[in-house]
Amino acid sequence: MAQETFTDISREDLHQAQKIMLYIMKKIHEICVKHNIKYWLDYGTLLGAIRHDGFIPWDDDLDICMMREDYEKFNKVAQAELGDEFFLQLPETTPNFYFAYGKVRLCNTLWLETKWQYPPLKNTGLFVDIFPMDPFPESKLKQWKLVAFRRIFDGVINQKIRKQKAGNFIKVFPRWCCAMLLPVKFMVKRQEKIIRNLQRYKNSSPLISKLCMDTIRDLCDKSMFEELILHKFEDAEFYIPARYDERLKMLFNNYMQLPPEDKRYGHHGILKYDFGKYKDL
């Protein structure tokens, strides 16, 4: 069962992929409740929860967020709780996975994203993304320094590790320069140091964001996530921010309005997929 691009996937197979992601999410929720770890649905997954009581029908992933301390607590207990059926994918558990967030993958399945094909990862099963939120400075200058690092880091990884090709010289040349001048290991160590240093703002700044991507787009007051409530998601209930309306307006503006039909498709390039024994889940 393989496809050249995600847009070729059948509606039935996409629905099955969503069912499998839901299966993974139920396990994550179980672990979080057991260990008093706070998380919330976010981004398109939060939008789906509010607008559709589940997945956006054409969505191709499931995203949750945690505060840094909860994220680190989850990483400590998760693999033992997940057992052999699942795999906790982190930079420290997976060669060539350099980004500052985690994935819980379902073993013995395949969901190969275009961006992870070179070099191959240890595990490319269906997954749920877990994004840690870190304290952020209020200074605009310091914020943009962090954004600059993020862009340079992505340039190095995209050019040197993923062998990603941009469409024109203007895009390729800066990435090529970064990749030639900055070793990957140096950038990864630098990323780890920046994340550690961000914790200094925990008590002095009300702001949080995530360093791994969309840094400025995600910038918000941490109070937005202080109160979490259970909300229906397909045949389960998961945690969302009580102030979900503010969050969704921030991310999507008029979020209850459906996009035009020609925009209703997933945004992650999928080269191959195989549901294995979970094809009839």
C-alpha atoms as a PDB file:
ATOM      1  CA  MET A   1       0.000   0.000   0.000  1.00  0.00           C
ATOM      2  CA  ALA A   2       1.989   2.982  -1.188  1.00  0.00           C
ATOM      3  CA  GLN A   3       1.329   6.342  -2.757  1.00  0.00           C
ATOM      4  CA  GLU A   4       3.521   8.878  -4.544  1.00  0.00           C
ATOM      5  CA  THR A   5       2.040  11.890  -2.736  1.00  0.00           C
ATOM      6  CA  PHE A   6      -0.396  12.458   0.060  1.00  0.00           C
ATOM      7  CA  THR A   7      -3.025  13.871  -2.293  1.00  0.00           C
ATOM      8  CA  ASP A   8      -3.316  10.396  -3.854  1.00  0.00           C
ATOM      9  CA  ILE A   9      -4.440   8.766  -0.617  1.00  0.00           C
ATOM     10  CA  SER A  10      -8.033   7.585  -0.657  1.00  0.00           C
ATOM     11  CA  ARG A  11     -10.610   9.021   1.711  1.00  0.00           C
ATOM     12  CA  GLU A  12     -10.953   5.576   3.280  1.00  0.00           C
ATOM     13  CA  ASP A  13      -7.214   5.231   3.907  1.00  0.00           C
ATOM     14  CA  LEU A  14      -6.999   8.738   5.364  1.00  0.00           C
ATOM     15  CA  HIS A  15      -9.849   7.890   7.714  1.00  0.00           C
ATOM     16  CA  GLN A  16      -8.011   4.718   8.748  1.00  0.00           C
ATOM     17  CA  ALA A  17      -4.825   6.715   9.381  1.00  0.00           C
ATOM     18  CA  GLN A  18      -6.828   9.063  11.621  1.00  0.00           C
ATOM     19  CA  LYS A  19      -8.239   6.095  13.539  1.00  0.00           C
ATOM     20  CA  ILE A  20      -4.709   4.850  14.166  1.00  0.00           C
ATOM     21  CA  MET A  21      -3.541   8.291  15.309  1.00  0.00           C
ATOM     22  CA  LEU A  22      -6.524   8.350  17.669  1.00  0.00           C
ATOM     23  CA  TYR A  23      -5.415   4.958  19.014  1.00  0.00           C
ATOM     24  CA  ILE A  24      -1.960   6.418  19.739  1.00  0.00           C
ATOM     25  CA  MET A  25      -3.475   9.505  21.358  1.00  0.00           C
ATOM     26  CA  LYS A  26      -5.601   7.404  23.688  1.00  0.00           C
ATOM     27  CA  LYS A  27      -2.422   5.748  24.973  1.00  0.00           C
ATOM     28  CA  ILE A  28      -0.723   9.131  25.462  1.00  0.00           C
ATOM     29  CA  HIS A  29      -3.761  10.407  27.371  1.00  0.00           C
ATOM     30  CA  GLU A  30      -3.737   7.309  29.584  1.00  0.00           C
ATOM     31  CA  ILE A  31      -0.078   7.882  30.485  1.00  0.00           C
ATOM     32  CA  CYS A  32      -0.580  11.592  31.129  1.00  0.00           C
ATOM     33  CA  VAL A  33      -3.543  11.010  33.440  1.00  0.00           C
ATOM     34  CA  LYS A  34      -1.676   8.293  35.343  1.00  0.00           C
ATOM     35  CA  HIS A  35       1.379  10.499  35.912  1.00  0.00           C
ATOM     36  CA  ASN A  36      -0.410  13.845  36.311  1.00  0.00           C
ATOM     37  CA  ILE A  37       1.153  15.274  33.142  1.00  0.00           C
ATOM     38  CA  LYS A  38      -0.683  18.185  31.549  1.00  0.00           C
ATOM     39  CA  TYR A  39      -1.106  18.368  27.784  1.00  0.00           C
ATOM     40  CA  TRP A  40      -3.556  19.954  25.371  1.00  0.00           C
ATOM     41  CA  LEU A  41      -4.665  19.474  21.782  1.00  0.00           C
ATOM     42  CA  ASP A  42      -3.400  22.318  19.600  1.00  0.00           C
ATOM     43  CA  TYR A  43      -3.236  23.732  16.057  1.00  0.00           C
ATOM     44  CA  GLY A  44      -5.378  21.882  13.506  1.00  0.00           C
ATOM     45  CA  THR A  45      -6.178  19.169  16.049  1.00  0.00           C
ATOM     46  CA  LEU A  46      -7.685  21.744  18.422  1.00  0.00           C
ATOM     47  CA  LEU A  47      -9.581  23.267  15.505  1.00  0.00           C
ATOM     48  CA  GLY A  48     -10.919  19.830  14.622  1.00  0.00           C
ATOM     49  CA  ALA A  49     -12.019  19.231  18.206  1.00  0.00           C
ATOM     50  CA  ILE A  50     -14.064  22.442  18.296  1.00  0.00           C
ATOM     51  CA  ARG A  51     -15.396  22.561  14.739  1.00  0.00           C
ATOM     52  CA  HIS A  52     -15.837  18.835  14.059  1.00  0.00           C
ATOM     53  CA  ASP A  53     -15.728  17.114  17.501  1.00  0.00           C
ATOM     54  CA  GLY A  54     -12.747  15.190  16.135  1.00  0.00           C
ATOM     55  CA  PHE A  55     -10.391  15.306  13.200  1.00  0.00           C
ATOM     56  CA  ILE A  56     -10.761  17.860  10.460  1.00  0.00           C
ATOM     57  CA  PRO A  57     -11.945  15.394   7.782  1.00  0.00           C
ATOM     58  CA  TRP A  58      -8.926  16.034   5.545  1.00  0.00           C
ATOM     59  CA  ASP A  59      -6.305  16.432   8.288  1.00  0.00           C
ATOM     60  CA  ASP A  60      -3.256  14.173   8.209  1.00  0.00           C
ATOM     61  CA  ASP A  61      -1.720  14.582  11.663  1.00  0.00           C
ATOM     62  CA  LEU A  62      -2.469  14.981  15.364  1.00  0.00           C
ATOM     63  CA  ASP A  63      -0.664  17.598  17.468  1.00  0.00           C
ATOM     64  CA  ILE A  64      -0.472  18.137  21.200  1.00  0.00           C
ATOM     65  CA  CYS A  65       1.549  20.547  23.329  1.00  0.00           C
ATOM     66  CA  MET A  66       3.008  20.436  26.831  1.00  0.00           C
ATOM     67  CA  MET A  67       4.856  22.885  29.003  1.00  0.00           C
ATOM     68  CA  ARG A  68       8.563  22.065  29.128  1.00  0.00           C
ATOM     69  CA  GLU A  69       8.453  20.510  32.612  1.00  0.00           C
ATOM     70  CA  ASP A  70       5.559  18.228  31.641  1.00  0.00           C
ATOM     71  CA  TYR A  71       7.280  17.339  28.364  1.00  0.00           C
ATOM     72  CA  GLU A  72      10.435  16.259  30.188  1.00  0.00           C
ATOM     73  CA  LYS A  73       8.406  14.307  32.738  1.00  0.00           C
ATOM     74  CA  PHE A  74       6.558  12.531  29.923  1.00  0.00           C
ATOM     75  CA  ASN A  75       9.828  11.628  28.212  1.00  0.00           C
ATOM     76  CA  LYS A  76      11.122  10.050  31.426  1.00  0.00           C
ATOM     77  CA  VAL A  77       8.163   7.746  31.981  1.00  0.00           C
ATOM     78  CA  ALA A  78       6.715   7.231  28.511  1.00  0.00           C
ATOM     79  CA  GLN A  79       8.779   4.472  26.923  1.00  0.00           C
ATOM     80  CA  ALA A  80       8.342   2.117  29.855  1.00  0.00           C
ATOM     81  CA  GLU A  81       4.594   2.813  29.782  1.00  0.00           C
ATOM     82  CA  LEU A  82       4.332   2.575  25.996  1.00  0.00           C
ATOM     83  CA  GLY A  83       5.825  -0.908  25.825  1.00  0.00           C
ATOM     84  CA  ASP A  84       6.892  -2.572  22.591  1.00  0.00           C
ATOM     85  CA  GLU A  85       3.833  -1.479  20.631  1.00  0.00           C
ATOM     86  CA  PHE A  86       4.914   2.161  20.507  1.00  0.00           C
ATOM     87  CA  PHE A  87       8.160   4.088  20.124  1.00  0.00           C
ATOM     88  CA  LEU A  88       9.030   7.434  21.720  1.00  0.00           C
ATOM     89  CA  GLN A  89      11.018   9.278  19.075  1.00  0.00           C
ATOM     90  CA  LEU A  90      13.372  11.964  20.391  1.00  0.00           C
ATOM     91  CA  PRO A  91      16.727  13.331  19.234  1.00  0.00           C
ATOM     92  CA  GLU A  92      18.411  11.168  21.873  1.00  0.00           C
ATOM     93  CA  THR A  93      16.630   7.968  20.767  1.00  0.00           C
ATOM     94  CA  THR A  94      16.796   8.402  16.997  1.00  0.00           C
ATOM     95  CA  PRO A  95      19.847   9.132  14.816  1.00  0.00           C
ATOM     96  CA  ASN A  96      19.203  11.891  12.244  1.00  0.00           C
ATOM     97  CA  PHE A  97      16.202  13.248  14.190  1.00  0.00           C
ATOM     98  CA  TYR A  98      17.545  16.628  15.254  1.00  0.00           C
ATOM     99  CA  PHE A  99      14.473  18.662  16.075  1.00  0.00           C
ATOM    100  CA  ALA A 100      13.406  19.857  19.502  1.00  0.00           C
ATOM    101  CA  TYR A 101      10.153  17.947  19.870  1.00  0.00           C
ATOM    102  CA  GLY A 102       8.977  14.365  20.172  1.00  0.00           C
ATOM    103  CA  LYS A 103       6.767  11.852  18.405  1.00  0.00           C
ATOM    104  CA  VAL A 104       5.010   8.777  19.728  1.00  0.00           C
ATOM    105  CA  ARG A 105       4.989   6.310  16.840  1.00  0.00           C
ATOM    106  CA  LEU A 106       3.089   3.074  16.398  1.00  0.00           C
ATOM    107  CA  CYS A 107       5.518   0.276  15.599  1.00  0.00           C
ATOM    108  CA  ASN A 108       4.982  -2.037  12.625  1.00  0.00           C
ATOM    109  CA  THR A 109       3.222   0.674  10.623  1.00  0.00           C
ATOM    110  CA  LEU A 110       4.597   3.037   7.979  1.00  0.00           C
ATOM    111  CA  TRP A 111       3.856   6.734   7.447  1.00  0.00           C
ATOM    112  CA  LEU A 112       6.843   8.044   5.516  1.00  0.00           C
ATOM    113  CA  GLU A 113       6.865  11.817   5.213  1.00  0.00           C
ATOM    114  CA  THR A 114       8.806  13.383   2.372  1.00  0.00           C
ATOM    115  CA  LYS A 115      10.916  15.445   4.776  1.00  0.00           C
ATOM    116  CA  TRP A 116      12.198  12.347   6.612  1.00  0.00           C
ATOM    117  CA  GLN A 117      13.151  10.175   3.641  1.00  0.00           C
ATOM    118  CA  TYR A 118      16.837  11.243   3.628  1.00  0.00           C
ATOM    119  CA  PRO A 119      18.442   9.946   5.692  1.00  0.00           C
ATOM    120  CA  PRO A 120      15.970   7.279   6.857  1.00  0.00           C
ATOM    121  CA  LEU A 121      14.848   7.318  10.467  1.00  0.00           C
ATOM    122  CA  LYS A 122      14.872   4.350  12.834  1.00  0.00           C
ATOM    123  CA  ASN A 123      11.074   4.305  13.012  1.00  0.00           C
ATOM    124  CA  THR A 124       8.622   5.847  10.537  1.00  0.00           C
ATOM    125  CA  GLY A 125       5.326   4.546  11.879  1.00  0.00           C
ATOM    126  CA  LEU A 126       2.158   6.583  12.254  1.00  0.00           C
ATOM    127  CA  PHE A 127       2.550   9.121  15.016  1.00  0.00           C
ATOM    128  CA  VAL A 128       1.331  11.895  17.278  1.00  0.00           C
ATOM    129  CA  ASP A 129       3.522  15.008  17.531  1.00  0.00           C
ATOM    130  CA  ILE A 130       4.357  16.368  21.002  1.00  0.00           C
ATOM    131  CA  PHE A 131       5.572  19.973  21.088  1.00  0.00           C
ATOM    132  CA  PRO A 132       7.189  21.461  24.213  1.00  0.00           C
ATOM    133  CA  MET A 133       6.406  25.093  25.028  1.00  0.00           C
ATOM    134  CA  ASP A 134       9.209  27.133  26.594  1.00  0.00           C
ATOM    135  CA  PRO A 135       9.369  30.459  28.438  1.00  0.00           C
ATOM    136  CA  PHE A 136      10.168  33.301  26.063  1.00  0.00           C
ATOM    137  CA  PRO A 137      11.667  36.770  26.570  1.00  0.00           C
ATOM    138  CA  GLU A 138       9.503  39.874  26.231  1.00  0.00           C
ATOM    139  CA  SER A 139      12.263  41.736  24.398  1.00  0.00           C
ATOM    140  CA  LYS A 140      11.510  41.943  20.659  1.00  0.00           C
ATOM    141  CA  LEU A 141      15.233  41.905  19.909  1.00  0.00           C
ATOM    142  CA  LYS A 142      15.766  38.689  21.874  1.00  0.00           C
ATOM    143  CA  GLN A 143      12.730  37.137  20.223  1.00  0.00           C
ATOM    144  CA  TRP A 144      14.049  37.854  16.744  1.00  0.00           C
ATOM    145  CA  LYS A 145      17.474  36.504  17.673  1.00  0.00           C
ATOM    146  CA  LEU A 146      15.742  33.232  18.513  1.00  0.00           C
ATOM    147  CA  VAL A 147      13.865  33.332  15.215  1.00  0.00           C
ATOM    148  CA  ALA A 148      17.145  33.942  13.390  1.00  0.00           C
ATOM    149  CA  PHE A 149      18.678  30.891  15.059  1.00  0.00           C
ATOM    150  CA  ARG A 150      15.640  28.806  14.121  1.00  0.00           C
ATOM    151  CA  ARG A 151      15.952  29.779  10.471  1.00  0.00           C
ATOM    152  CA  ILE A 152      19.686  29.118  10.366  1.00  0.00           C
ATOM    153  CA  PHE A 153      19.192  25.762  12.103  1.00  0.00           C
ATOM    154  CA  ASP A 154      16.502  24.757   9.629  1.00  0.00           C
ATOM    155  CA  GLY A 155      18.735  25.850   6.768  1.00  0.00           C
ATOM    156  CA  VAL A 156      21.586  23.641   7.956  1.00  0.00           C
ATOM    157  CA  ILE A 157      19.348  20.616   8.515  1.00  0.00           C
ATOM    158  CA  ASN A 158      17.358  21.019   5.315  1.00  0.00           C
ATOM    159  CA  GLN A 159      20.439  21.385   3.161  1.00  0.00           C
ATOM    160  CA  LYS A 160      22.913  19.052   4.860  1.00  0.00           C
ATOM    161  CA  ILE A 161      20.761  16.290   6.318  1.00  0.00           C
ATOM    162  CA  ARG A 162      17.553  16.217   4.316  1.00  0.00           C
ATOM    163  CA  LYS A 163      19.324  17.230   1.087  1.00  0.00           C
ATOM    164  CA  GLN A 164      16.329  19.464   0.477  1.00  0.00           C
ATOM    165  CA  LYS A 165      16.344  21.475  -2.727  1.00  0.00           C
ATOM    166  CA  ALA A 166      14.792  24.911  -2.942  1.00  0.00           C
ATOM    167  CA  GLY A 167      13.298  26.245  -6.122  1.00  0.00           C
ATOM    168  CA  ASN A 168      15.826  28.937  -6.936  1.00  0.00           C
ATOM    169  CA  PHE A 169      19.342  30.195  -6.263  1.00  0.00           C
ATOM    170  CA  ILE A 170      18.206  32.893  -3.815  1.00  0.00           C
ATOM    171  CA  LYS A 171      16.778  30.206  -1.531  1.00  0.00           C
ATOM    172  CA  VAL A 172      19.495  27.608  -2.042  1.00  0.00           C
ATOM    173  CA  PHE A 173      22.599  29.759  -1.621  1.00  0.00           C
ATOM    174  CA  PRO A 174      22.027  30.933   2.005  1.00  0.00           C
ATOM    175  CA  ARG A 175      21.202  27.360   3.034  1.00  0.00           C
ATOM    176  CA  TRP A 176      24.272  26.034   1.279  1.00  0.00           C
ATOM    177  CA  CYS A 177      26.476  28.624   3.025  1.00  0.00           C
ATOM    178  CA  CYS A 178      25.033  27.769   6.441  1.00  0.00           C
ATOM    179  CA  ALA A 179      25.461  24.059   5.807  1.00  0.00           C
ATOM    180  CA  MET A 180      29.099  24.483   4.757  1.00  0.00           C
ATOM    181  CA  LEU A 181      30.052  26.768   7.648  1.00  0.00           C
ATOM    182  CA  LEU A 182      28.074  25.282  10.542  1.00  0.00           C
ATOM    183  CA  PRO A 183      28.427  21.586  11.472  1.00  0.00           C
ATOM    184  CA  VAL A 184      25.198  19.815  12.381  1.00  0.00           C
ATOM    185  CA  LYS A 185      26.529  18.682  15.771  1.00  0.00           C
ATOM    186  CA  PHE A 186      27.440  22.277  16.624  1.00  0.00           C
ATOM    187  CA  MET A 187      23.924  23.459  15.754  1.00  0.00           C
ATOM    188  CA  VAL A 188      22.296  20.690  17.782  1.00  0.00           C
ATOM    189  CA  LYS A 189      24.425  21.533  20.838  1.00  0.00           C
ATOM    190  CA  ARG A 190      23.594  25.194  20.351  1.00  0.00           C
ATOM    191  CA  GLN A 191      19.895  24.370  20.202  1.00  0.00           C
ATOM    192  CA  GLU A 192      20.129  22.419  23.464  1.00  0.00           C
ATOM    193  CA  LYS A 193      21.912  25.331  25.143  1.00  0.00           C
ATOM    194  CA  ILE A 194      19.321  27.852  23.967  1.00  0.00           C
ATOM    195  CA  ILE A 195      16.502  25.684  25.307  1.00  0.00           C
ATOM    196  CA  ARG A 196      18.242  25.458  28.694  1.00  0.00           C
ATOM    197  CA  ASN A 197      18.792  29.219  28.738  1.00  0.00           C
ATOM    198  CA  LEU A 198      15.154  29.942  27.933  1.00  0.00           C
ATOM    199  CA  GLN A 199      14.159  28.521  31.319  1.00  0.00           C
ATOM    200  CA  ARG A 200      15.539  31.679  32.952  1.00  0.00           C
ATOM    201  CA  TYR A 201      12.430  33.529  31.734  1.00  0.00           C
ATOM    202  CA  LYS A 202      10.007  31.216  33.506  1.00  0.00           C
ATOM    203  CA  ASN A 203       9.353  33.617  36.387  1.00  0.00           C
ATOM    204  CA  SER A 204      10.172  36.919  34.702  1.00  0.00           C
ATOM    205  CA  SER A 205       8.139  36.701  31.490  1.00  0.00           C
ATOM    206  CA  PRO A 206       4.492  35.726  30.914  1.00  0.00           C
ATOM    207  CA  LEU A 207       5.262  34.590  27.367  1.00  0.00           C
ATOM    208  CA  ILE A 208       5.767  31.110  25.960  1.00  0.00           C
ATOM    209  CA  SER A 209       6.401  29.685  22.510  1.00  0.00           C
ATOM    210  CA  LYS A 210       8.095  26.711  20.913  1.00  0.00           C
ATOM    211  CA  LEU A 211      11.617  26.893  19.535  1.00  0.00           C
ATOM    212  CA  CYS A 212      11.212  23.973  17.143  1.00  0.00           C
ATOM    213  CA  MET A 213       9.041  25.853  14.593  1.00  0.00           C
ATOM    214  CA  ASP A 214       6.570  28.730  14.078  1.00  0.00           C
ATOM    215  CA  THR A 215       8.240  30.599  16.932  1.00  0.00           C
ATOM    216  CA  ILE A 216       6.606  34.015  16.552  1.00  0.00           C
ATOM    217  CA  ARG A 217       3.263  32.656  15.337  1.00  0.00           C
ATOM    218  CA  ASP A 218       2.998  30.629  18.548  1.00  0.00           C
ATOM    219  CA  LEU A 219       4.051  33.410  20.920  1.00  0.00           C
ATOM    220  CA  CYS A 220       1.359  33.887  23.558  1.00  0.00           C
ATOM    221  CA  ASP A 221       0.688  34.362  27.256  1.00  0.00           C
ATOM    222  CA  LYS A 222       1.173  31.160  29.239  1.00  0.00           C
ATOM    223  CA  SER A 223      -2.033  31.894  31.164  1.00  0.00           C
ATOM    224  CA  MET A 224      -3.905  30.795  28.031  1.00  0.00           C
ATOM    225  CA  PHE A 225      -3.113  27.188  28.984  1.00  0.00           C
ATOM    226  CA  GLU A 226      -3.449  27.302  32.764  1.00  0.00           C
ATOM    227  CA  GLU A 227      -6.967  25.862  32.749  1.00  0.00           C
ATOM    228  CA  LEU A 228      -7.525  22.728  30.689  1.00  0.00           C
ATOM    229  CA  ILE A 229     -10.874  21.026  30.094  1.00  0.00           C
ATOM    230  CA  LEU A 230     -11.899  17.705  28.592  1.00  0.00           C
ATOM    231  CA  HIS A 231     -13.573  17.923  25.190  1.00  0.00           C
ATOM    232  CA  LYS A 232     -15.061  15.352  22.838  1.00  0.00           C
ATOM    233  CA  PHE A 233     -12.727  14.108  20.118  1.00  0.00           C
ATOM    234  CA  GLU A 234     -14.177  11.318  17.982  1.00  0.00           C
ATOM    235  CA  ASP A 235     -15.126   8.571  20.485  1.00  0.00           C
ATOM    236  CA  ALA A 236     -12.837   9.891  23.241  1.00  0.00           C
ATOM    237  CA  GLU A 237     -12.246  12.981  25.363  1.00  0.00           C
ATOM    238  CA  PHE A 238      -8.943  14.844  25.455  1.00  0.00           C
ATOM    239  CA  TYR A 239      -7.708  18.019  27.108  1.00  0.00           C
ATOM    240  CA  ILE A 240      -7.982  21.399  25.406  1.00  0.00           C
ATOM    241  CA  PRO A 241      -7.410  24.951  26.716  1.00  0.00           C
ATOM    242  CA  ALA A 242     -10.486  26.413  28.414  1.00  0.00           C
ATOM    243  CA  ARG A 243      -9.614  29.578  26.473  1.00  0.00           C
ATOM    244  CA  TYR A 244      -9.702  27.698  23.179  1.00  0.00           C
ATOM    245  CA  ASP A 245     -11.604  30.510  21.443  1.00  0.00           C
ATOM    246  CA  GLU A 246      -8.696  32.926  21.997  1.00  0.00           C
ATOM    247  CA  ARG A 247      -6.174  30.342  20.882  1.00  0.00           C
ATOM    248  CA  LEU A 248      -8.021  29.466  17.694  1.00  0.00           C
ATOM    249  CA  LYS A 249      -8.645  33.101  16.762  1.00  0.00           C
ATOM    250  CA  MET A 250      -4.941  33.711  17.237  1.00  0.00           C
ATOM    251  CA  LEU A 251      -4.026  30.790  14.965  1.00  0.00           C
ATOM    252  CA  PHE A 252      -6.809  30.820  12.373  1.00  0.00           C
ATOM    253  CA  ASN A 253      -8.819  34.042  12.809  1.00  0.00           C
ATOM    254  CA  ASN A 254     -12.361  33.086  11.654  1.00  0.00           C
ATOM    255  CA  TYR A 255     -11.831  29.466  12.570  1.00  0.00           C
ATOM    256  CA  MET A 256     -15.408  28.202  12.222  1.00  0.00           C
ATOM    257  CA  GLN A 257     -15.477  29.052   8.526  1.00  0.00           C
ATOM    258  CA  LEU A 258     -14.625  26.102   6.310  1.00  0.00           C
ATOM    259  CA  PRO A 259     -11.911  26.638   3.696  1.00  0.00           C
ATOM    260  CA  PRO A 260     -12.773  26.445  -0.019  1.00  0.00           C
ATOM    261  CA  GLU A 261     -13.103  22.876  -1.262  1.00  0.00           C
ATOM    262  CA  ASP A 262      -9.855  23.101  -3.248  1.00  0.00           C
ATOM    263  CA  LYS A 263      -7.974  23.853   0.004  1.00  0.00           C
ATOM    264  CA  ARG A 264      -9.284  20.855   1.890  1.00  0.00           C
ATOM    265  CA  TYR A 265      -6.258  18.579   1.866  1.00  0.00           C
ATOM    266  CA  GLY A 266      -3.432  17.512   4.162  1.00  0.00           C
ATOM    267  CA  HIS A 267      -0.216  19.494   4.269  1.00  0.00           C
ATOM    268  CA  HIS A 268       2.346  16.753   4.946  1.00  0.00           C
ATOM    269  CA  GLY A 269       3.882  15.029   1.950  1.00  0.00           C
ATOM    270  CA  ILE A 270       3.480  11.276   2.398  1.00  0.00           C
ATOM    271  CA  LEU A 271       5.548   9.035   0.137  1.00  0.00           C
ATOM    272  CA  LYS A 272       4.471   5.639   1.453  1.00  0.00           C
ATOM    273  CA  TYR A 273       2.116   4.287   4.070  1.00  0.00           C
ATOM    274  CA  ASP A 274       1.247   0.876   5.425  1.00  0.00           C
ATOM    275  CA  PHE A 275      -1.143   0.192   8.295  1.00  0.00           C
ATOM    276  CA  GLY A 276       0.061  -3.365   8.875  1.00  0.00           C
ATOM    277  CA  LYS A 277      -2.106  -5.297  11.311  1.00  0.00           C
ATOM    278  CA  TYR A 278      -3.922  -2.060  12.202  1.00  0.00           C
ATOM    279  CA  LYS A 279      -5.619  -1.766   8.796  1.00  0.00           C
ATOM    280  CA  ASP A 280      -8.896  -2.925  10.349  1.00  0.00           C
ATOM    281  CA  LEU A 281      -8.527  -1.136  13.700  1.00  0.00           C
END
